[in-house]
């Protein structure tokens, strides 16, 4: 699954267009490297998202095949640092 779609489906970022913009600005790292929105994710990848006032580090646990419910969204990843 693409990085921008994962960020949207997991509800880490509300909209896919915002996820695209944030990753194009270099504020999203995957395994320590700046990642483009089309980066393909796999289980075990570490994503660092730099918000305006904090940085969040998460580990991908599940790659969904489509959209998921609000209740299931938080089960797709594990927070490492906030």
C-alpha atoms as a PDB file:
ATOM      1  CA  UNK A   1       0.000   0.000   0.000  1.00  0.00           C
ATOM      2  CA  UNK A   2       1.172   3.522  -0.804  1.00  0.00           C
ATOM      3  CA  UNK A   3       2.405   5.716   2.039  1.00  0.00           C
ATOM      4  CA  UNK A   4      -0.161   8.462   1.466  1.00  0.00           C
ATOM      5  CA  UNK A   5      -3.047   5.989   1.402  1.00  0.00           C
ATOM      6  CA  UNK A   6      -1.819   4.246   4.575  1.00  0.00           C
ATOM      7  CA  UNK A   7      -1.615   7.568   6.425  1.00  0.00           C
ATOM      8  CA  UNK A   8      -5.196   8.334   5.404  1.00  0.00           C
ATOM      9  CA  UNK A   9      -6.657   4.855   6.074  1.00  0.00           C
ATOM     10  CA  UNK A  10      -4.950   4.628   9.474  1.00  0.00           C
ATOM     11  CA  UNK A  11      -6.248   8.137  10.249  1.00  0.00           C
ATOM     12  CA  UNK A  12      -2.798   9.455  11.169  1.00  0.00           C
ATOM     13  CA  UNK A  13      -3.503  12.243   8.663  1.00  0.00           C
ATOM     14  CA  UNK A  14      -7.094  13.169   7.855  1.00  0.00           C
ATOM     15  CA  UNK A  15      -6.935  13.558   4.062  1.00  0.00           C
ATOM     16  CA  UNK A  16      -4.843  11.910   1.372  1.00  0.00           C
ATOM     17  CA  UNK A  17      -4.063  15.254  -0.282  1.00  0.00           C
ATOM     18  CA  UNK A  18      -2.642  16.504   3.022  1.00  0.00           C
ATOM     19  CA  UNK A  19      -0.614  13.273   3.351  1.00  0.00           C
ATOM     20  CA  UNK A  20       0.743  13.902  -0.163  1.00  0.00           C
ATOM     21  CA  UNK A  21       1.702  17.478   0.658  1.00  0.00           C
ATOM     22  CA  UNK A  22       3.375  16.588   3.967  1.00  0.00           C
ATOM     23  CA  UNK A  23       5.465  13.801   2.447  1.00  0.00           C
ATOM     24  CA  UNK A  24       6.444  15.976  -0.548  1.00  0.00           C
ATOM     25  CA  UNK A  25       7.786  18.553   1.946  1.00  0.00           C
ATOM     26  CA  UNK A  26      10.058  15.866   3.428  1.00  0.00           C
ATOM     27  CA  UNK A  27       8.273  15.727   6.783  1.00  0.00           C
ATOM     28  CA  UNK A  28       7.597  11.980   6.591  1.00  0.00           C
ATOM     29  CA  UNK A  29      10.435   9.479   6.981  1.00  0.00           C
ATOM     30  CA  UNK A  30      10.210   5.741   6.374  1.00  0.00           C
ATOM     31  CA  UNK A  31      12.999   3.754   8.009  1.00  0.00           C
ATOM     32  CA  UNK A  32      15.001   6.967   8.458  1.00  0.00           C
ATOM     33  CA  UNK A  33      14.794   8.120   4.820  1.00  0.00           C
ATOM     34  CA  UNK A  34      12.590  10.864   3.382  1.00  0.00           C
ATOM     35  CA  UNK A  35       9.705   9.190   1.578  1.00  0.00           C
ATOM     36  CA  UNK A  36       7.584  10.177  -1.402  1.00  0.00           C
ATOM     37  CA  UNK A  37       3.801   9.622  -1.284  1.00  0.00           C
ATOM     38  CA  UNK A  38       4.069   6.618  -3.637  1.00  0.00           C
ATOM     39  CA  UNK A  39       6.496   4.712  -1.358  1.00  0.00           C
ATOM     40  CA  UNK A  40       5.260   1.146  -0.928  1.00  0.00           C
ATOM     41  CA  UNK A  41       5.001   0.156   2.723  1.00  0.00           C
ATOM     42  CA  UNK A  42       5.471  -3.277   4.234  1.00  0.00           C
ATOM     43  CA  UNK A  43       4.900  -4.722   7.681  1.00  0.00           C
ATOM     44  CA  UNK A  44       7.634  -3.644  10.093  1.00  0.00           C
ATOM     45  CA  UNK A  45       8.386  -0.290   8.457  1.00  0.00           C
ATOM     46  CA  UNK A  46       9.003   2.593  10.870  1.00  0.00           C
ATOM     47  CA  UNK A  47       7.273   5.860   9.912  1.00  0.00           C
ATOM     48  CA  UNK A  48       8.230   9.201  11.467  1.00  0.00           C
ATOM     49  CA  UNK A  49       5.758  12.048  10.935  1.00  0.00           C
ATOM     50  CA  UNK A  50       6.807  15.591  11.782  1.00  0.00           C
ATOM     51  CA  UNK A  51       3.737  17.595  12.781  1.00  0.00           C
ATOM     52  CA  UNK A  52       3.981  21.340  13.445  1.00  0.00           C
ATOM     53  CA  UNK A  53       4.698  20.940  17.173  1.00  0.00           C
ATOM     54  CA  UNK A  54       5.706  17.290  17.657  1.00  0.00           C
ATOM     55  CA  UNK A  55       7.112  14.217  15.962  1.00  0.00           C
ATOM     56  CA  UNK A  56       5.430  10.829  16.070  1.00  0.00           C
ATOM     57  CA  UNK A  57       7.177   7.531  15.359  1.00  0.00           C
ATOM     58  CA  UNK A  58       5.061   4.479  14.531  1.00  0.00           C
ATOM     59  CA  UNK A  59       5.609   0.904  13.347  1.00  0.00           C
ATOM     60  CA  UNK A  60       3.395  -0.594  10.648  1.00  0.00           C
ATOM     61  CA  UNK A  61       1.739  -3.778  11.975  1.00  0.00           C
ATOM     62  CA  UNK A  62      -0.918  -4.517   9.341  1.00  0.00           C
ATOM     63  CA  UNK A  63      -1.208  -3.461   5.699  1.00  0.00           C
ATOM     64  CA  UNK A  64      -4.951  -3.325   4.920  1.00  0.00           C
ATOM     65  CA  UNK A  65      -6.320  -4.310   1.519  1.00  0.00           C
ATOM     66  CA  UNK A  66      -8.874  -1.473   1.466  1.00  0.00           C
ATOM     67  CA  UNK A  67     -10.568   1.013   3.733  1.00  0.00           C
ATOM     68  CA  UNK A  68     -11.011   0.113   7.393  1.00  0.00           C
ATOM     69  CA  UNK A  69     -13.461   1.222  10.046  1.00  0.00           C
ATOM     70  CA  UNK A  70     -12.641   3.891  12.618  1.00  0.00           C
ATOM     71  CA  UNK A  71     -12.357   1.229  15.325  1.00  0.00           C
ATOM     72  CA  UNK A  72      -9.876  -0.848  13.307  1.00  0.00           C
ATOM     73  CA  UNK A  73      -7.702   2.105  12.206  1.00  0.00           C
ATOM     74  CA  UNK A  74      -5.625   2.197  15.379  1.00  0.00           C
ATOM     75  CA  UNK A  75      -4.819  -1.534  15.089  1.00  0.00           C
ATOM     76  CA  UNK A  76      -2.840  -0.961  11.868  1.00  0.00           C
ATOM     77  CA  UNK A  77       0.142   0.547  13.692  1.00  0.00           C
ATOM     78  CA  UNK A  78       1.955   0.715  17.036  1.00  0.00           C
ATOM     79  CA  UNK A  79       3.175   4.015  18.482  1.00  0.00           C
ATOM     80  CA  UNK A  80       6.888   3.869  19.354  1.00  0.00           C
ATOM     81  CA  UNK A  81       7.464   7.523  20.316  1.00  0.00           C
ATOM     82  CA  UNK A  82       5.249  10.522  20.624  1.00  0.00           C
END
